[in-house]
Protein backbone atom coordinates (compact mmCIF):
# COMPACT_ATOMS: atom_id res chain seq x y z
CA MET A 1 -60.00 -26.66 -15.53
CA VAL A 2 -57.04 -25.55 -12.92
CA VAL A 3 -56.41 -22.43 -14.88
CA GLY A 4 -60.17 -21.42 -15.02
CA LEU A 5 -60.71 -22.14 -11.36
CA LEU A 6 -57.55 -19.94 -10.53
CA ARG A 7 -58.79 -17.17 -12.71
CA ILE A 8 -62.29 -17.27 -11.02
CA ARG A 9 -60.66 -17.24 -7.52
CA GLN A 10 -58.36 -14.29 -8.29
CA ARG A 11 -61.44 -12.27 -9.65
CA ILE A 12 -63.51 -13.23 -6.47
CA VAL A 13 -60.70 -12.21 -4.17
CA ALA A 14 -60.23 -8.84 -6.13
CA ASP A 15 -63.79 -7.96 -6.11
CA ALA A 16 -64.11 -8.78 -2.33
CA ALA A 17 -61.16 -6.55 -1.55
CA THR A 18 -62.70 -3.76 -3.56
CA LEU A 19 -65.94 -3.99 -1.66
CA LEU A 20 -64.32 -4.46 1.71
CA LEU A 21 -62.07 -1.48 1.28
CA ALA A 22 -64.81 0.61 0.16
CA SER A 23 -67.04 -0.24 3.02
CA VAL A 24 -64.30 0.30 5.53
CA ALA A 25 -63.40 3.62 4.04
CA ALA A 26 -66.94 4.74 4.08
CA ALA A 27 -67.57 3.73 7.68
CA GLY A 28 -64.26 5.02 9.00
CA ALA A 29 -64.03 1.99 11.23
CA VAL A 30 -61.94 -1.14 11.26
CA ALA A 31 -63.32 -4.17 9.62
CA ALA A 32 -62.81 -7.69 10.64
CA PRO A 33 -63.19 -9.78 7.62
CA GLU A 34 -62.35 -13.32 7.29
CA PRO A 35 -58.89 -13.83 6.08
CA SER A 36 -58.26 -15.22 2.55
CA PRO A 37 -55.14 -17.01 1.63
CA VAL A 38 -52.74 -14.91 -0.27
CA ALA A 39 -49.78 -16.73 -2.08
CA PRO A 40 -46.41 -15.03 -2.44
CA PRO A 41 -45.18 -14.48 -6.05
CA SER A 42 -42.80 -17.37 -5.66
CA GLN A 43 -45.69 -19.83 -5.41
CA VAL A 44 -48.03 -18.02 -7.80
CA TYR A 45 -45.43 -17.82 -10.64
CA GLY A 46 -43.33 -21.02 -9.64
CA ASP A 47 -40.69 -21.84 -12.18
CA LEU A 48 -40.90 -18.41 -13.84
CA PHE A 49 -40.40 -16.62 -10.73
CA ALA A 50 -37.40 -18.87 -10.06
CA ALA A 51 -36.06 -18.21 -13.65
CA VAL A 52 -36.43 -14.48 -13.31
CA GLN A 53 -34.69 -14.24 -10.13
CA THR A 54 -31.74 -16.74 -10.71
CA ARG A 55 -31.02 -15.24 -14.10
CA GLU A 56 -30.55 -11.92 -12.78
CA ILE A 57 -33.01 -10.15 -15.01
CA PHE A 58 -33.08 -7.35 -12.36
CA GLY A 59 -30.27 -6.36 -10.10
CA ASP A 60 -32.69 -6.07 -7.20
CA SER A 61 -34.64 -9.24 -6.47
CA LYS A 62 -37.39 -7.08 -4.88
CA LEU A 63 -38.31 -5.61 -8.29
CA PHE A 64 -39.99 -8.58 -9.74
CA ALA A 65 -41.45 -9.58 -6.23
CA ASP A 66 -43.20 -6.17 -6.46
CA ALA A 67 -44.02 -6.34 -10.25
CA ILE A 68 -47.67 -5.80 -11.42
CA PRO A 69 -48.96 -8.41 -13.77
CA ARG A 70 -50.55 -6.97 -16.93
CA SER A 71 -52.99 -9.83 -17.05
CA ALA A 72 -54.17 -12.71 -14.82
CA PRO A 73 -51.37 -14.85 -13.48
CA SER A 74 -52.85 -18.02 -14.94
CA GLU A 75 -52.67 -16.20 -18.46
CA ILE A 76 -49.02 -15.22 -17.92
CA LEU A 77 -48.10 -18.86 -16.91
CA ALA A 78 -49.81 -20.39 -19.80
CA ALA A 79 -47.88 -17.90 -22.28
CA TRP A 80 -44.75 -18.89 -20.52
CA ASP A 81 -45.28 -22.57 -20.93
CA VAL A 82 -45.72 -21.95 -24.68
CA GLN A 83 -43.35 -19.23 -25.52
CA ARG A 84 -40.22 -20.37 -23.53
CA GLN A 85 -40.05 -23.42 -25.98
CA LEU A 86 -39.87 -21.22 -29.02
CA PRO A 87 -36.57 -20.46 -30.74
CA GLY A 88 -35.01 -17.02 -29.91
CA PHE A 89 -37.21 -16.84 -26.77
CA SER A 90 -35.96 -13.82 -24.48
CA LEU A 91 -36.93 -14.10 -20.88
CA ARG A 92 -36.19 -10.38 -20.33
CA GLU A 93 -38.60 -9.31 -23.07
CA PHE A 94 -41.34 -11.82 -21.90
CA VAL A 95 -41.24 -10.14 -18.54
CA ARG A 96 -41.39 -6.60 -19.78
CA ALA A 97 -44.42 -7.70 -21.99
CA HIS A 98 -46.20 -9.33 -18.97
CA PHE A 99 -45.30 -7.25 -15.89
CA GLU A 100 -45.20 -3.48 -15.01
CA LEU A 101 -42.48 -2.35 -12.63
CA GLU A 102 -43.59 -0.18 -9.82
CA PRO A 103 -41.46 3.07 -9.45
CA ALA A 104 -39.37 3.86 -6.42
CA ALA A 105 -40.63 6.47 -4.13
CA VAL A 106 -38.57 9.66 -5.11
CA PRO A 107 -38.03 12.38 -2.62
CA PRO A 108 -38.18 16.17 -3.85
CA ALA A 109 -34.99 17.46 -5.13
CA LEU A 110 -32.95 19.54 -2.71
CA ALA A 111 -33.98 23.24 -2.78
CA PRO A 112 -31.25 25.59 -1.58
CA HIS A 113 -33.79 27.60 0.61
CA LEU A 114 -35.10 24.62 2.40
CA ASP A 115 -33.70 23.78 5.90
CA LEU A 116 -33.95 20.36 7.49
CA CYS A 117 -37.50 20.88 9.16
CA GLN A 118 -38.95 22.08 5.92
CA HIS A 119 -37.49 19.24 3.93
CA ILE A 120 -38.92 16.67 6.26
CA ASP A 121 -42.11 18.35 6.01
CA ASP A 122 -42.17 18.04 2.27
CA LEU A 123 -41.10 14.46 2.43
CA TRP A 124 -44.34 13.33 4.12
CA HIS A 125 -46.27 14.27 0.89
CA VAL A 126 -43.94 11.76 -1.09
CA LEU A 127 -44.07 9.05 1.67
CA MET A 128 -47.85 9.13 2.34
CA ARG A 129 -49.66 6.80 -0.10
CA PRO A 130 -53.37 6.87 -0.75
CA MET A 131 -55.56 3.87 -0.22
CA THR A 132 -55.61 1.68 -3.33
CA VAL A 133 -56.99 -1.75 -4.30
CA PRO A 134 -54.04 -3.82 -5.68
CA ALA A 135 -54.34 -5.14 -9.21
CA PRO A 136 -55.24 -8.79 -9.25
CA GLY A 137 -51.96 -10.89 -9.04
CA SER A 138 -50.05 -8.12 -7.40
CA SER A 139 -48.03 -8.86 -4.21
CA LEU A 140 -49.43 -5.68 -2.70
CA LEU A 141 -51.86 -6.18 0.28
CA PRO A 142 -54.84 -3.88 0.41
CA LEU A 143 -55.30 -1.31 3.19
CA PRO A 144 -58.37 0.85 3.96
CA PHE A 145 -56.66 4.06 4.67
CA ALA A 146 -53.54 6.04 3.45
CA ALA A 147 -50.19 4.60 4.66
CA ILE A 148 -46.54 5.72 5.24
CA VAL A 149 -43.94 3.96 3.12
CA PRO A 150 -40.17 4.28 4.19
CA GLY A 151 -39.13 5.38 0.47
CA GLY A 152 -36.94 4.37 -2.17
CA ARG A 153 -37.16 0.55 -2.93
CA PHE A 154 -39.76 0.18 -0.06
CA ARG A 155 -42.92 1.08 -1.66
CA GLU A 156 -45.29 -0.43 0.94
CA ALA A 157 -46.06 -0.02 4.41
CA TYR A 158 -43.77 -1.67 7.05
CA TYR A 159 -44.69 -2.60 10.66
CA TRP A 160 -42.00 -1.09 12.86
CA ASP A 161 -41.03 1.56 10.34
CA SER A 162 -44.31 3.01 10.63
CA TYR A 163 -44.29 3.58 14.46
CA PHE A 164 -41.12 5.72 14.13
CA SER A 165 -42.45 7.50 11.16
CA LEU A 166 -45.45 8.45 13.17
CA LEU A 167 -43.33 10.18 15.72
CA GLY A 168 -42.83 12.88 13.15
CA ILE A 169 -46.31 13.78 12.85
CA ALA A 170 -47.61 13.04 16.29
CA ASP A 171 -47.33 16.45 17.68
CA GLY A 172 -47.61 18.80 14.69
CA ALA A 173 -50.59 17.24 12.80
CA ALA A 174 -54.30 16.73 13.48
CA GLY A 175 -55.17 13.32 14.68
CA GLU A 176 -56.70 11.92 11.56
CA PRO A 177 -53.57 10.69 9.70
CA ILE A 178 -52.34 8.92 12.79
CA ASP A 179 -55.65 7.31 13.63
CA ASN A 180 -56.11 6.07 10.10
CA ILE A 181 -52.56 4.50 10.00
CA VAL A 182 -53.29 2.79 13.29
CA LYS A 183 -56.73 1.69 11.88
CA ASN A 184 -54.72 0.07 9.02
CA PHE A 185 -52.66 -2.15 11.37
CA ALA A 186 -55.78 -3.11 13.35
CA TYR A 187 -57.22 -3.97 9.82
CA LEU A 188 -54.25 -6.31 9.14
CA ILE A 189 -54.74 -7.99 12.54
CA ASP A 190 -58.17 -8.52 11.94
CA THR A 191 -57.54 -9.85 8.46
CA TYR A 192 -54.60 -11.92 8.83
CA GLY A 193 -54.27 -12.62 12.51
CA HIS A 194 -51.09 -10.54 12.95
CA ILE A 195 -49.38 -7.49 11.42
CA PRO A 196 -47.10 -8.69 8.61
CA ASN A 197 -43.63 -7.66 8.20
CA GLY A 198 -44.88 -5.31 5.45
CA THR A 199 -47.86 -5.11 3.22
CA ARG A 200 -46.87 -7.65 0.62
CA SER A 201 -48.07 -11.23 0.36
CA TYR A 202 -44.51 -12.57 0.74
CA TYR A 203 -44.28 -10.88 4.17
CA LEU A 204 -47.39 -12.73 5.58
CA SER A 205 -45.31 -15.48 7.05
CA ARG A 206 -43.57 -13.29 9.51
CA SER A 207 -44.29 -10.15 11.57
CA GLN A 208 -41.84 -7.54 12.97
CA PRO A 209 -41.07 -6.18 16.47
CA PRO A 210 -44.48 -5.51 18.08
CA PHE A 211 -44.71 -1.76 18.25
CA PHE A 212 -48.51 -1.70 17.63
CA TYR A 213 -49.39 -0.82 21.22
CA GLU A 214 -46.95 2.14 21.04
CA MET A 215 -48.67 3.30 17.74
CA VAL A 216 -51.99 2.93 19.57
CA ALA A 217 -50.82 5.06 22.47
CA LEU A 218 -50.09 7.95 19.97
CA THR A 219 -53.89 8.24 19.18
CA SER A 220 -54.55 9.30 22.76
CA ARG A 221 -51.16 10.82 24.09
CA ASN A 222 -52.68 12.13 27.31
CA ASP A 223 -54.55 9.00 28.27
CA PRO A 224 -53.11 5.99 26.41
CA ALA A 225 -55.14 3.52 28.57
CA ALA A 226 -58.26 4.86 26.84
CA ALA A 227 -56.64 4.02 23.45
CA PHE A 228 -55.65 0.53 24.81
CA ALA A 229 -59.10 -0.09 25.84
CA ARG A 230 -60.58 0.91 22.30
CA TYR A 231 -57.99 -1.45 20.58
CA LEU A 232 -58.30 -4.20 23.06
CA PRO A 233 -59.47 -6.85 20.72
CA GLN A 234 -56.48 -6.26 18.42
CA LEU A 235 -53.83 -5.82 21.00
CA ARG A 236 -54.97 -9.30 22.54
CA ARG A 237 -55.06 -10.93 19.05
CA GLU A 238 -51.51 -9.72 18.36
CA HIS A 239 -50.31 -11.23 21.72
CA ALA A 240 -52.14 -14.44 20.79
CA PHE A 241 -50.05 -14.52 17.59
CA TRP A 242 -46.80 -14.20 19.47
CA MET A 243 -47.79 -16.77 22.13
CA ASP A 244 -49.43 -19.22 19.64
CA GLY A 245 -48.53 -22.66 20.88
CA GLU A 246 -47.26 -21.70 24.32
CA SER A 247 -48.88 -24.93 25.93
CA ARG A 248 -47.00 -26.94 23.16
CA ALA A 249 -43.57 -25.63 23.87
CA ARG A 250 -41.23 -27.79 25.93
CA PRO A 251 -37.82 -27.20 27.25
CA GLY A 252 -35.28 -27.76 24.36
CA ARG A 253 -38.41 -27.88 21.91
CA PRO A 254 -39.75 -24.36 21.07
CA TYR A 255 -42.99 -24.12 19.13
CA ARG A 256 -43.10 -21.28 16.59
CA ARG A 257 -42.31 -18.04 18.46
CA VAL A 258 -42.53 -19.51 22.01
CA VAL A 259 -39.26 -20.86 23.91
CA ALA A 260 -39.86 -22.81 26.89
CA LEU A 261 -37.05 -22.70 29.46
CA ALA A 262 -36.57 -24.27 32.91
CA ASP A 263 -39.30 -24.17 35.39
CA ASN A 264 -41.84 -23.60 33.12
CA VAL A 265 -40.63 -20.29 32.09
CA ARG A 266 -41.71 -18.99 28.50
CA LEU A 267 -40.02 -16.39 26.50
CA ASN A 268 -40.17 -15.57 22.76
CA ARG A 269 -38.01 -15.55 19.76
CA TYR A 270 -38.12 -14.35 16.18
CA TRP A 271 -39.44 -16.94 13.74
CA ASP A 272 -40.80 -17.22 10.25
CA ASP A 273 -43.54 -19.86 9.07
CA ARG A 274 -41.64 -20.49 5.87
CA ALA A 275 -38.41 -22.18 5.19
CA ALA A 276 -37.78 -21.10 1.77
CA PRO A 277 -35.82 -18.21 0.03
CA ARG A 278 -37.35 -14.83 0.57
CA ASP A 279 -39.16 -13.61 -2.53
CA GLU A 280 -37.45 -10.15 -2.11
CA SER A 281 -34.04 -11.47 -1.76
CA TYR A 282 -34.51 -14.78 -3.63
CA ARG A 283 -31.04 -14.95 -5.36
CA GLU A 284 -29.19 -13.95 -2.37
CA ASP A 285 -30.77 -16.48 -0.14
CA LEU A 286 -30.10 -19.37 -2.69
CA THR A 287 -26.41 -18.34 -2.91
CA LEU A 288 -26.11 -18.16 0.87
CA ALA A 289 -27.66 -21.67 1.30
CA ARG A 290 -25.62 -23.21 -1.39
CA GLY A 291 -22.37 -21.89 0.11
CA THR A 292 -22.80 -23.82 3.44
CA THR A 293 -23.10 -27.55 4.59
CA ARG A 294 -26.13 -26.83 6.64
CA PRO A 295 -29.59 -27.87 5.48
CA ALA A 296 -31.02 -25.23 3.04
CA ASP A 297 -34.31 -24.93 4.89
CA GLU A 298 -32.56 -24.35 8.25
CA VAL A 299 -30.48 -21.37 6.66
CA TYR A 300 -33.72 -19.92 5.09
CA ARG A 301 -35.71 -20.27 8.31
CA ASN A 302 -32.92 -18.50 10.36
CA VAL A 303 -32.61 -15.67 7.47
CA ARG A 304 -36.35 -15.02 7.63
CA ALA A 305 -36.52 -14.78 11.39
CA ALA A 306 -33.66 -12.26 11.30
CA ALA A 307 -35.95 -10.31 8.77
CA GLU A 308 -38.68 -10.61 11.41
CA SER A 309 -36.43 -8.90 14.02
CA GLY A 310 -35.76 -6.00 11.56
CA TRP A 311 -32.04 -6.51 12.24
CA ASP A 312 -31.44 -8.01 9.01
CA PHE A 313 -28.44 -8.79 9.45
CA SER A 314 -26.46 -8.41 12.65
CA SER A 315 -23.70 -10.15 14.61
CA ARG A 316 -26.57 -10.81 17.22
CA TRP A 317 -27.74 -13.66 15.07
CA LEU A 318 -24.33 -15.08 13.77
CA ALA A 319 -23.08 -18.18 15.69
CA ASP A 320 -19.43 -17.03 14.94
CA GLY A 321 -20.20 -13.37 15.34
CA LYS A 322 -19.16 -12.50 11.81
CA THR A 323 -20.31 -14.78 8.89
CA LEU A 324 -23.84 -14.76 7.68
CA SER A 325 -23.62 -18.51 6.93
CA SER A 326 -23.54 -19.31 10.63
CA ILE A 327 -26.95 -17.47 11.20
CA GLU A 328 -28.94 -18.85 14.21
CA THR A 329 -31.66 -16.37 14.81
CA THR A 330 -34.27 -19.13 15.99
CA ASN A 331 -31.74 -20.21 18.89
CA ILE A 332 -31.75 -16.77 20.29
CA VAL A 333 -34.26 -15.35 23.01
CA PRO A 334 -33.89 -11.67 22.20
CA VAL A 335 -34.01 -8.89 24.68
CA ASP A 336 -35.90 -6.43 22.39
CA LEU A 337 -38.71 -8.65 21.45
CA ASN A 338 -39.32 -9.75 25.02
CA SER A 339 -39.23 -6.18 26.15
CA LEU A 340 -41.89 -5.33 23.83
CA LEU A 341 -44.02 -8.10 24.59
CA PHE A 342 -43.76 -7.01 28.36
CA GLY A 343 -45.06 -3.61 27.10
CA LEU A 344 -47.91 -5.15 25.10
CA GLU A 345 -48.96 -7.23 28.20
CA THR A 346 -48.75 -4.05 30.23
CA ALA A 347 -50.96 -2.14 27.77
CA ILE A 348 -53.29 -4.93 27.55
CA ALA A 349 -53.74 -4.96 31.35
CA LEU A 350 -54.20 -1.14 31.34
CA GLY A 351 -56.94 -1.43 28.73
CA CYS A 352 -58.65 -4.20 30.62
CA VAL A 353 -58.65 -1.79 33.83
CA ARG A 354 -60.79 0.71 31.84
CA LEU A 355 -63.22 -1.96 30.77
CA HIS A 356 -63.39 -3.47 34.24
CA ASP A 357 -62.48 -6.96 32.91
CA ASP A 358 -61.07 -8.49 36.22
CA ALA A 359 -60.23 -11.75 34.46
CA CYS A 360 -58.38 -9.96 31.70
CA ILE A 361 -56.57 -7.70 34.37
CA ASP A 362 -55.49 -10.74 36.27
CA GLU A 363 -54.11 -12.72 33.19
CA PHE A 364 -52.14 -9.99 31.86
CA THR A 365 -50.69 -8.63 35.24
CA ARG A 366 -49.65 -12.21 35.78
CA ARG A 367 -48.22 -12.64 32.36
CA SER A 368 -46.28 -9.28 32.40
CA ALA A 369 -44.92 -10.19 35.92
CA ALA A 370 -43.69 -13.62 34.82
CA ARG A 371 -41.91 -12.07 31.74
CA HIS A 372 -40.32 -9.61 33.98
CA ALA A 373 -38.95 -12.31 36.34
CA ALA A 374 -37.81 -14.48 33.40
CA MET A 375 -35.91 -11.66 31.70
CA ASP A 376 -34.22 -10.68 34.95
CA ARG A 377 -33.25 -14.41 35.33
CA TYR A 378 -32.19 -15.12 31.69
CA LEU A 379 -31.37 -11.82 29.85
CA TRP A 380 -29.92 -9.74 32.62
CA GLN A 381 -26.09 -10.30 32.66
CA ASN A 382 -25.34 -8.89 36.00
CA GLU A 383 -21.52 -9.32 35.70
CA SER A 384 -21.58 -7.05 32.56
CA GLY A 385 -24.32 -4.90 33.77
CA VAL A 386 -26.32 -5.15 30.50
CA PHE A 387 -29.51 -6.91 29.18
CA GLY A 388 -28.51 -9.20 26.35
CA ASP A 389 -29.80 -11.99 24.46
CA TYR A 390 -29.89 -15.77 25.48
CA ASP A 391 -28.97 -18.87 23.53
CA TRP A 392 -31.67 -21.32 24.55
CA ARG A 393 -29.96 -24.26 22.77
CA GLY A 394 -26.70 -23.63 24.32
CA ARG A 395 -28.36 -22.54 27.67
CA HIS A 396 -26.10 -19.59 28.16
CA PRO A 397 -26.12 -15.87 27.48
CA THR A 398 -24.73 -14.65 24.17
CA ASP A 399 -21.71 -12.31 24.29
CA ARG A 400 -22.93 -10.39 21.39
CA LEU A 401 -24.04 -7.11 23.10
CA SER A 402 -25.88 -4.41 21.29
CA ALA A 403 -28.01 -1.39 21.61
CA ALA A 404 -30.90 -3.76 22.02
CA THR A 405 -29.80 -3.66 25.83
CA LEU A 406 -31.88 -0.32 25.97
CA TYR A 407 -35.13 -1.88 25.24
CA PRO A 408 -35.94 -2.65 28.95
CA LEU A 409 -35.41 1.02 29.65
CA PHE A 410 -37.83 1.95 26.90
CA THR A 411 -40.61 -0.37 28.02
CA GLY A 412 -40.08 0.57 31.88
CA LEU A 413 -39.06 -3.04 32.74
CA ALA A 414 -35.60 -2.24 34.09
CA GLN A 415 -34.86 -1.66 37.69
CA PRO A 416 -33.30 1.82 38.36
CA GLU A 417 -29.94 0.15 39.28
CA GLN A 418 -30.02 -1.92 36.11
CA ALA A 419 -30.89 1.20 34.06
CA GLN A 420 -27.80 2.99 35.48
CA ARG A 421 -25.55 0.11 34.71
CA VAL A 422 -26.82 -0.12 31.22
CA ALA A 423 -26.40 3.70 30.69
CA ARG A 424 -22.69 3.33 31.66
CA PHE A 425 -22.13 0.40 29.21
CA VAL A 426 -23.83 2.50 26.41
CA GLU A 427 -21.70 5.60 27.22
CA MET A 428 -18.51 3.38 27.27
CA ARG A 429 -19.07 1.07 24.41
CA LEU A 430 -21.70 2.30 22.02
CA LEU A 431 -21.69 6.16 22.17
CA LYS A 432 -19.87 7.54 19.14
CA PRO A 433 -19.27 10.93 17.60
CA GLY A 434 -22.41 10.60 15.35
CA GLY A 435 -24.82 9.11 17.95
CA LEU A 436 -25.51 5.46 19.24
CA ALA A 437 -23.70 2.58 17.41
CA THR A 438 -25.80 -0.48 16.84
CA THR A 439 -23.26 -2.95 18.25
CA ALA A 440 -19.44 -2.74 19.28
CA VAL A 441 -18.11 -5.00 16.26
CA ALA A 442 -17.76 -4.31 12.64
CA THR A 443 -18.69 -7.35 10.44
CA GLY A 444 -19.94 -5.59 7.14
CA GLN A 445 -23.50 -6.34 8.19
CA GLN A 446 -25.71 -3.30 8.19
CA TRP A 447 -27.00 -3.81 11.78
CA ASP A 448 -23.47 -3.61 13.14
CA LEU A 449 -20.66 -1.02 13.82
CA PRO A 450 -20.17 1.70 12.34
CA ASN A 451 -23.88 2.07 11.45
CA GLY A 452 -26.31 3.91 13.51
CA TRP A 453 -30.07 3.62 13.08
CA ALA A 454 -32.90 6.20 13.72
CA PRO A 455 -35.02 3.78 15.66
CA LEU A 456 -32.23 2.85 18.06
CA GLN A 457 -31.65 6.66 18.67
CA TRP A 458 -35.20 7.03 19.86
CA ILE A 459 -35.22 3.78 21.97
CA ALA A 460 -32.16 5.13 23.64
CA VAL A 461 -33.24 8.60 24.10
CA ARG A 462 -36.79 7.85 25.51
CA GLY A 463 -35.68 5.07 27.78
CA LEU A 464 -32.59 6.90 29.12
CA ARG A 465 -34.73 10.03 29.87
CA ALA A 466 -37.23 7.73 31.60
CA TYR A 467 -34.73 6.77 34.17
CA GLY A 468 -33.09 10.31 34.70
CA GLU A 469 -30.06 9.73 32.38
CA THR A 470 -30.86 12.99 30.79
CA GLU A 471 -27.34 14.03 30.11
CA LEU A 472 -26.46 10.94 28.16
CA ALA A 473 -29.86 11.11 26.33
CA GLY A 474 -29.27 14.45 25.25
CA THR A 475 -25.67 13.74 24.09
CA ILE A 476 -26.94 10.89 21.82
CA ALA A 477 -29.71 13.00 20.44
CA GLU A 478 -27.55 16.07 19.77
CA ARG A 479 -24.76 13.99 18.17
CA TRP A 480 -27.37 12.12 16.09
CA LEU A 481 -28.90 15.37 14.89
CA ALA A 482 -25.69 16.88 13.92
CA ASN A 483 -24.71 13.79 11.98
CA VAL A 484 -28.16 13.80 10.04
CA GLY A 485 -27.83 17.52 9.31
CA ARG A 486 -24.32 17.18 8.09
CA VAL A 487 -25.31 14.48 5.59
CA TYR A 488 -28.33 16.53 4.43
CA ARG A 489 -26.30 19.63 3.83
CA ALA A 490 -23.80 17.57 1.71
CA SER A 491 -26.39 15.41 -0.24
CA GLY A 492 -29.79 16.84 0.29
CA LYS A 493 -31.01 13.49 1.66
CA LEU A 494 -32.12 11.86 4.68
CA VAL A 495 -31.21 8.23 4.57
CA GLU A 496 -32.08 4.88 6.29
CA LYS A 497 -28.71 4.51 8.28
CA TYR A 498 -25.71 6.49 9.07
CA ASP A 499 -22.27 6.05 9.77
CA VAL A 500 -21.79 7.23 13.34
CA VAL A 501 -17.86 6.80 13.36
CA ASP A 502 -16.89 8.55 10.17
CA LEU A 503 -19.12 11.53 10.21
CA GLY A 504 -21.06 12.92 7.40
CA ARG A 505 -21.52 9.64 5.58
CA PRO A 506 -24.61 7.31 5.06
CA GLY A 507 -24.22 3.87 6.48
CA GLY A 508 -23.04 0.86 4.59
CA GLY A 509 -23.47 -2.87 4.32
CA GLY A 510 -26.68 -4.82 3.51
CA GLU A 511 -28.14 -6.43 0.53
CA TYR A 512 -29.04 -3.30 -1.37
CA PRO A 513 -27.60 0.33 -1.74
CA VAL A 514 -28.52 2.91 0.95
CA GLN A 515 -32.07 4.16 0.52
CA ASP A 516 -33.16 7.81 0.49
CA GLY A 517 -36.44 8.85 1.97
CA PHE A 518 -36.51 7.78 4.83
CA GLY A 519 -39.55 7.33 6.93
CA TRP A 520 -38.18 6.52 10.28
CA THR A 521 -35.25 8.77 9.90
CA ASN A 522 -37.62 11.51 9.20
CA GLY A 523 -39.89 10.63 12.00
CA VAL A 524 -37.34 10.32 14.80
CA THR A 525 -35.37 13.41 13.64
CA ALA A 526 -38.45 15.57 13.82
CA GLN A 527 -39.22 14.22 17.28
CA LEU A 528 -35.68 14.91 18.52
CA MET A 529 -35.77 18.29 17.17
CA ARG A 530 -38.89 19.01 19.26
CA LEU A 531 -37.21 17.74 22.35
CA TYR A 532 -33.85 19.43 21.76
CA PRO A 533 -34.82 22.70 19.68
CA ASP A 534 -32.27 24.68 17.91
CA THR A 535 -32.88 27.53 15.48
CA LYS A 536 -29.65 26.84 13.80
CA ARG A 537 -30.88 23.76 12.53
CA CYS A 538 -34.31 25.06 11.41
CA SER A 539 -35.83 28.21 10.60
CA LYS A 540 -39.11 27.47 12.23
CA GLN A 541 -39.77 25.75 15.45
CA ALA A 542 -39.40 21.85 15.26
CA SER A 543 -42.74 21.59 16.80
CA GLN A 544 -44.40 23.24 13.78
CA VAL A 545 -43.00 20.55 11.59
CA THR A 546 -45.50 18.46 9.47
CA THR A 547 -48.59 20.54 10.27
CA ARG A 548 -49.63 20.05 6.67
CA THR A 549 -49.67 16.27 7.01
CA ALA A 550 -53.27 16.61 8.36
CA THR A 551 -54.38 16.95 4.63
CA LEU A 552 -52.91 13.50 3.71
CA HIS A 553 -55.44 10.89 4.00
């Protein structure tokens, strides 16, 4: 009976998804369907999933989390229950018989005549994926339009990655690819109530840094307020996701992503609604939790919250500043998240102005002002001259300073004097020969020294330029571009992270080998080449990069 009902439900969901995507694509508009519960593979396959992951059938846990079942999950589980009792049973062969592994996104081979601009242009044809309806039982979530994937092992769309990738096509291509990718994210908000970390069922319990309003602005670069008005329902719904339970939060007792501080002040933290090993890093999370004396669910929750931050992992989240077992992400009020929520609140207010919605204008003007005041009080560290994170449990600022200090400049929250002091800190502590370092400490984690990441270069350059720190912005951009170019000439690759201290090398650390592709590196590099053109880097003007992307939809 249970197996039969499960099979019927899976077919209903698959048929509904097919009809929904067809209607959305035909209409060219964002649908607002009722969300359906979508279980991650660890729940769908239960003991089978745990056995495959813990016995290291695959070196990368994500491979099985992304596997495509060859038949209904109920049929696979029924076969598993029978066959595992038989003599000579091979779990590896069982998996090969019942699942298909999705191939990695493979960039084009290096052609000697291709300069960096041309190579980035070609990469978009690899990283743009057409709209597809996932197979029943797959962890992949449907989207109505083509999407950009990061590359390598990352075969699905990711939230904050997509914003930085879009920078690469924002100027050179026609509007349709950008508009359709933004519609994808609006569809996710309408369907699930938020934008998940990525378009996999196992990412639905968390989001990522809220850059949606910045993506929306790219659809109307000369008049972003008009775009905010068009997408106002989705912008407000995303804000409601981050603020869910704000009336229930109390000092010392946060609720989900809302932290209540003194005097009824509310700021936000990263969180995940599940406290279990991540499907995509199942074995790694089990090993980490078993190696500590902490409750396992506490470890899992904090690891997952760090994944929502995008900085997985960094000394920012580590209580002792160095070991992953001390991770305490949910105790931290982060400067980057709250800066972006200030930007979101400002964008909503601007959209409401266009729609003459006075109640909305008043609410979100008040919200952004309250967040600004709270960040000045709790996240501005006057003695150090930086914006930093705050430990709400310990009631003190953390001393784990990072490039996240630049986010208030990126969103326009910083006062001019604050921006000048942040610029001096960055110049003294984080500026390296190959660009901007992520932190000033080396821990072996990938979001620490000596690694530099494309998103943070863009946050720095745009933020510093907005406050007149053009020389420092230019230095960061030129050093980063030189570093990316050096690695490309040596390897023919654009990678997800770079060593900014020992030049000409990809970055290190993390749970998996460095990935080639790579969406946000391509996007930020293309955008910086437009701002700082140099014919020695490219045989054609950087502003012409990605003109062919308009055909990818």
